[in-house]
Amino acid sequence: MSEEIKKTAAWIEARIEGFRPEVGIVLGTGLGDFADRIEARYVFEYKEIPGFPLSTVEGHKGRLIFGRIEGRRVVAMQGRFHYYEGYTMRQVTFPVRVMALLGIGCLFVSNASGGINPTFRVGDLMLITDHINLMPNPLIGPNMAEFGPRFPDMHNCYDKTLIARATAIAEREGIKLQYGVYVGGTGPTFETQAEYRYFKTIGGDAVGMSTVPEVIVARHMSVPVFGVSVITNCGLSDEVGDHDDVQLQGRRAGARMERLFREMIKTL
């Protein structure tokens, strides 16, 4: 896997003519429209890139975009990979390893999630302050020592400096923010109400099927992370949600998330 990651990074480097991204961005369900507004310089379909899995989920276009946002060099994943698609955790996190080798100094992750905290409302943006991992850990297996230690510390895996910066920007721009703990589960089923009650009991504020593996791997490689969840449904209610509604609510909140991301990237 280590050699595959290096080969993929070398393949990309040979095609981006010295373009070195400063920020990596992973866009979740319903949030891919943001990528369409990047000043794109190089765009690769996942199927073109050696070693990359293919995104099979509706709402994930499956493109790796190199370009500029507010003058800063970025690389954005327009669609991610999930454990429930049948990929191994090392495949799910493969692109994060590649982006780190390409030079990113921080990683922005986003997702659509179900609200657990009863004060949350559909459409809220939640800054992720911590997570609870209910998936297989992507670092299980032989450690790739050239990327990081055998036992990486997960304290403050969502960078406090970036959270503070986002808070200041949101106050200035009039963007309402929530804060909370993200619970990462395997999916692909949406959670039962009993599971939502359990997640609330153990300290969760929102739940989804992604993000945590990417954050663990970024932390393993000492890449600072900033994470945002778009609350697309409230799991403790009697309302029944589906994937179409998740995409819809993600797109509606996408404009506010884009404003926040743009201002964050501008000040890095």
Protein backbone atom coordinates (compact mmCIF):
# COMPACT_ATOMS: atom_id res chain seq x y z
CA MET A 1 0.00 0.00 0.00
CA SER A 2 2.84 2.40 0.82
CA GLU A 3 4.35 1.91 -2.64
CA GLU A 4 0.92 2.30 -4.29
CA ILE A 5 0.39 5.62 -2.50
CA LYS A 6 3.78 6.88 -3.67
CA LYS A 7 3.15 5.73 -7.25
CA THR A 8 -0.19 7.51 -7.35
CA ALA A 9 1.29 10.71 -5.95
CA ALA A 10 4.09 10.53 -8.53
CA TRP A 11 1.54 9.98 -11.36
CA ILE A 12 -0.36 13.10 -10.30
CA GLU A 13 2.79 15.19 -9.76
CA ALA A 14 3.89 14.42 -13.31
CA ARG A 15 0.64 15.96 -14.61
CA ILE A 16 0.16 19.06 -12.44
CA GLU A 17 3.34 20.83 -13.53
CA GLY A 18 4.67 21.85 -10.13
CA PHE A 19 1.30 22.87 -8.71
CA ARG A 20 1.61 22.19 -4.97
CA PRO A 21 -1.69 22.30 -3.04
CA GLU A 22 -1.75 24.06 0.33
CA VAL A 23 -5.17 22.77 1.44
CA GLY A 24 -6.94 19.45 0.88
CA ILE A 25 -10.76 19.41 0.85
CA VAL A 26 -13.09 16.39 1.09
CA LEU A 27 -16.67 17.19 0.07
CA GLY A 28 -19.48 14.95 1.32
CA THR A 29 -23.00 14.09 0.20
CA GLY A 30 -24.85 17.05 -1.31
CA LEU A 31 -21.83 19.35 -0.97
CA GLY A 32 -20.13 18.69 -4.30
CA ASP A 33 -21.40 21.92 -5.91
CA PHE A 34 -18.69 23.79 -4.01
CA ALA A 35 -16.07 22.04 -6.13
CA ASP A 36 -17.68 23.38 -9.31
CA ARG A 37 -16.78 26.91 -8.19
CA ILE A 38 -13.09 26.24 -7.67
CA GLU A 39 -10.88 28.04 -10.21
CA ALA A 40 -9.87 24.66 -11.61
CA ARG A 41 -6.50 24.14 -13.25
CA TYR A 42 -6.33 20.34 -13.39
CA VAL A 43 -9.26 17.92 -13.09
CA PHE A 44 -8.95 14.14 -12.95
CA GLU A 45 -11.76 11.61 -12.93
CA TYR A 46 -11.14 9.02 -10.22
CA LYS A 47 -11.21 6.29 -12.85
CA GLU A 48 -8.17 7.92 -14.50
CA ILE A 49 -6.01 7.89 -11.38
CA PRO A 50 -3.95 4.75 -10.71
CA GLY A 51 -4.85 3.16 -7.38
CA PHE A 52 -7.93 5.30 -6.76
CA PRO A 53 -11.20 3.52 -5.93
CA LEU A 54 -14.40 4.62 -7.70
CA SER A 55 -17.15 6.52 -5.90
CA THR A 56 -20.44 4.62 -6.23
CA VAL A 57 -22.74 6.84 -4.16
CA GLU A 58 -25.27 9.18 -5.76
CA GLY A 59 -24.22 12.79 -5.13
CA HIS A 60 -20.50 11.99 -5.29
CA LYS A 61 -19.22 12.96 -8.75
CA GLY A 62 -15.84 11.29 -8.40
CA ARG A 63 -13.35 13.98 -9.45
CA LEU A 64 -10.06 15.24 -8.01
CA ILE A 65 -9.77 18.97 -8.67
CA PHE A 66 -6.62 21.09 -8.42
CA GLY A 67 -7.12 24.84 -8.50
CA ARG A 68 -7.45 28.02 -6.47
CA ILE A 69 -9.88 29.35 -3.88
CA GLU A 70 -9.34 32.95 -2.79
CA GLY A 71 -5.89 32.78 -4.34
CA ARG A 72 -4.78 29.73 -2.35
CA ARG A 73 -3.82 26.45 -4.00
CA VAL A 74 -6.22 23.61 -3.15
CA VAL A 75 -6.98 20.03 -4.07
CA ALA A 76 -10.59 18.94 -3.61
CA MET A 77 -12.22 15.53 -3.65
CA GLN A 78 -15.65 15.92 -5.24
CA GLY A 79 -16.96 12.76 -3.62
CA ARG A 80 -15.34 10.40 -1.13
CA PHE A 81 -15.15 6.67 -0.50
CA HIS A 82 -16.97 4.77 2.21
CA TYR A 83 -16.45 1.51 4.06
CA TYR A 84 -20.03 0.47 3.25
CA GLU A 85 -19.22 0.52 -0.47
CA GLY A 86 -17.11 -2.56 0.16
CA TYR A 87 -13.73 -0.87 0.22
CA THR A 88 -11.13 -1.61 2.86
CA MET A 89 -10.30 1.16 5.30
CA ARG A 90 -6.92 1.58 3.61
CA GLN A 91 -8.69 2.14 0.29
CA VAL A 92 -11.12 4.60 1.91
CA THR A 93 -8.24 6.69 3.24
CA PHE A 94 -5.90 6.24 0.26
CA PRO A 95 -6.62 9.73 -1.18
CA VAL A 96 -5.77 11.45 2.12
CA ARG A 97 -2.36 9.79 2.08
CA VAL A 98 -1.85 10.92 -1.52
CA MET A 99 -2.90 14.51 -0.78
CA ALA A 100 -0.47 14.63 2.15
CA LEU A 101 2.39 13.48 -0.10
CA LEU A 102 1.40 16.17 -2.61
CA GLY A 103 2.04 18.78 0.08
CA ILE A 104 -1.21 19.84 1.79
CA GLY A 105 -0.69 21.71 5.06
CA CYS A 106 -4.19 21.07 6.39
CA LEU A 107 -7.29 19.05 5.53
CA PHE A 108 -10.88 20.34 5.44
CA VAL A 109 -13.53 17.60 5.70
CA SER A 110 -17.29 17.93 5.35
CA ASN A 111 -20.23 15.56 5.58
CA ALA A 112 -23.98 15.29 5.80
CA SER A 113 -25.06 13.90 9.16
CA GLY A 114 -28.05 13.12 11.34
CA GLY A 115 -28.58 15.40 14.30
CA ILE A 116 -28.56 13.78 17.74
CA ASN A 117 -28.39 16.91 19.89
CA PRO A 118 -32.01 18.01 20.44
CA THR A 119 -31.06 21.69 20.06
CA PHE A 120 -29.91 21.13 16.45
CA ARG A 121 -32.13 21.89 13.46
CA VAL A 122 -32.06 20.68 9.88
CA GLY A 123 -29.64 22.85 7.90
CA ASP A 124 -27.38 23.70 10.85
CA LEU A 125 -23.61 23.67 10.39
CA MET A 126 -21.82 21.81 13.18
CA LEU A 127 -18.10 22.29 13.69
CA ILE A 128 -16.71 18.91 14.69
CA THR A 129 -14.83 19.22 17.97
CA ASP A 130 -14.18 15.49 18.48
CA HIS A 131 -15.40 12.11 17.28
CA ILE A 132 -16.41 8.64 18.45
CA ASN A 133 -15.26 5.90 16.10
CA LEU A 134 -17.58 2.90 15.62
CA MET A 135 -15.84 1.71 12.44
CA PRO A 136 -12.76 -0.46 11.98
CA ASN A 137 -9.68 1.70 12.55
CA PRO A 138 -7.84 2.43 9.26
CA LEU A 139 -4.47 1.99 11.00
CA ILE A 140 -5.11 -1.70 11.79
CA GLY A 141 -2.40 -3.82 10.19
CA PRO A 142 1.32 -3.21 9.70
CA ASN A 143 2.21 0.40 10.46
CA MET A 144 3.47 2.47 7.53
CA ALA A 145 6.23 4.02 9.63
CA GLU A 146 7.31 6.47 6.93
CA PHE A 147 3.90 8.17 7.33
CA GLY A 148 3.51 8.18 11.11
CA PRO A 149 3.87 6.39 14.47
CA ARG A 150 2.38 3.04 15.46
CA PHE A 151 0.24 4.64 18.19
CA PRO A 152 -0.75 8.18 17.13
CA ASP A 153 -2.29 10.43 19.78
CA MET A 154 -5.87 11.45 18.91
CA HIS A 155 -6.16 14.33 21.39
CA ASN A 156 -7.34 17.49 19.62
CA CYS A 157 -7.55 15.75 16.26
CA TYR A 158 -9.81 18.61 15.11
CA ASP A 159 -7.46 21.57 15.24
CA LYS A 160 -8.42 24.08 17.94
CA THR A 161 -6.74 26.98 16.16
CA LEU A 162 -8.81 26.33 13.02
CA ILE A 163 -12.00 26.00 15.11
CA ALA A 164 -11.29 29.34 16.80
CA ARG A 165 -10.65 30.96 13.42
CA ALA A 166 -13.93 29.59 12.05
CA THR A 167 -15.79 30.89 15.10
CA ALA A 168 -14.44 34.40 14.57
CA ILE A 169 -15.31 34.30 10.86
CA ALA A 170 -18.84 33.03 11.56
CA GLU A 171 -19.45 35.85 14.04
CA ARG A 172 -18.25 38.40 11.52
CA GLU A 173 -20.21 36.93 8.60
CA GLY A 174 -23.38 36.17 10.56
CA ILE A 175 -23.15 32.40 10.02
CA LYS A 176 -24.84 30.35 12.75
CA LEU A 177 -22.67 27.51 14.03
CA GLN A 178 -23.21 24.53 16.29
CA TYR A 179 -20.40 22.56 17.91
CA GLY A 180 -20.29 18.89 18.75
CA VAL A 181 -19.01 15.34 18.67
CA TYR A 182 -19.42 13.33 15.46
CA VAL A 183 -20.19 9.60 15.72
CA GLY A 184 -18.84 7.60 12.78
CA GLY A 185 -20.73 4.39 11.95
CA THR A 186 -20.39 1.93 9.11
CA GLY A 187 -23.80 2.38 7.41
CA PRO A 188 -25.28 1.94 4.88
CA THR A 189 -28.51 1.76 6.89
CA PHE A 190 -29.72 4.95 8.49
CA GLU A 191 -29.74 4.64 12.26
CA THR A 192 -32.64 3.36 14.35
CA GLN A 193 -34.14 5.60 17.00
CA ALA A 194 -32.71 3.29 19.67
CA GLU A 195 -29.27 3.78 18.14
CA TYR A 196 -29.77 7.55 18.16
CA ARG A 197 -30.62 7.39 21.87
CA TYR A 198 -27.51 5.27 22.47
CA PHE A 199 -25.30 7.72 20.55
CA LYS A 200 -26.74 10.59 22.61
CA THR A 201 -25.98 8.67 25.83
CA ILE A 202 -22.33 8.10 24.88
CA GLY A 203 -21.79 11.77 24.05
CA GLY A 204 -22.59 12.15 20.34
CA ASP A 205 -24.15 15.24 18.78
CA ALA A 206 -24.35 14.06 15.15
CA VAL A 207 -23.86 10.75 13.34
CA GLY A 208 -22.73 9.78 9.86
CA MET A 209 -21.00 7.14 7.77
CA SER A 210 -17.70 8.81 6.84
CA THR A 211 -15.03 11.33 7.87
CA VAL A 212 -13.56 9.58 10.93
CA PRO A 213 -11.22 7.26 8.96
CA GLU A 214 -9.90 10.22 6.94
CA VAL A 215 -9.29 12.22 10.11
CA ILE A 216 -7.45 9.34 11.80
CA VAL A 217 -5.13 8.97 8.82
CA ALA A 218 -4.55 12.73 8.58
CA ARG A 219 -3.69 12.76 12.28
CA HIS A 220 -1.32 9.82 11.72
CA MET A 221 0.49 12.01 9.16
CA SER A 222 0.41 15.14 11.40
CA VAL A 223 -1.92 17.02 9.04
CA PRO A 224 -4.20 19.47 10.94
CA VAL A 225 -7.93 18.90 10.33
CA PHE A 226 -10.97 21.19 10.22
CA GLY A 227 -14.34 19.40 10.06
CA VAL A 228 -17.92 20.52 9.38
CA SER A 229 -21.13 18.47 9.47
CA VAL A 230 -24.29 19.66 7.75
CA ILE A 231 -27.27 18.49 9.82
CA THR A 232 -29.62 17.02 7.22
CA ASN A 233 -32.15 15.31 9.50
CA CYS A 234 -32.98 15.05 13.20
CA GLY A 235 -32.72 11.43 14.20
CA LEU A 236 -34.68 11.55 17.44
CA SER A 237 -37.85 12.73 15.68
CA ASP A 238 -40.46 10.48 14.06
CA GLU A 239 -39.72 11.86 10.59
CA VAL A 240 -38.41 9.32 8.08
CA GLY A 241 -35.49 10.52 5.95
CA ASP A 242 -33.91 9.16 2.78
CA HIS A 243 -30.79 9.76 0.70
CA ASP A 244 -32.56 12.20 -1.65
CA ASP A 245 -33.51 14.39 1.30
CA VAL A 246 -29.97 14.23 2.68
CA GLN A 247 -28.64 15.51 -0.67
CA LEU A 248 -31.27 18.26 -0.80
CA GLN A 249 -30.52 19.55 2.69
CA GLY A 250 -26.79 19.34 1.99
CA ARG A 251 -27.15 21.53 -1.10
CA ARG A 252 -29.29 24.07 0.79
CA ALA A 253 -26.66 24.46 3.50
CA GLY A 254 -23.81 24.31 1.01
CA ALA A 255 -23.75 28.06 0.35
CA ARG A 256 -23.09 28.85 4.02
CA MET A 257 -20.46 26.15 4.27
CA GLU A 258 -18.78 27.47 1.12
CA ARG A 259 -18.66 30.99 2.58
CA LEU A 260 -17.08 29.65 5.75
CA PHE A 261 -14.54 27.51 3.86
CA ARG A 262 -13.61 30.39 1.54
CA GLU A 263 -12.99 32.79 4.40
CA MET A 264 -11.03 30.13 6.30
CA ILE A 265 -8.82 29.37 3.31
CA LYS A 266 -8.26 33.07 2.63
CA THR A 267 -6.78 33.57 6.12
CA LEU A 268 -4.51 30.49 6.23
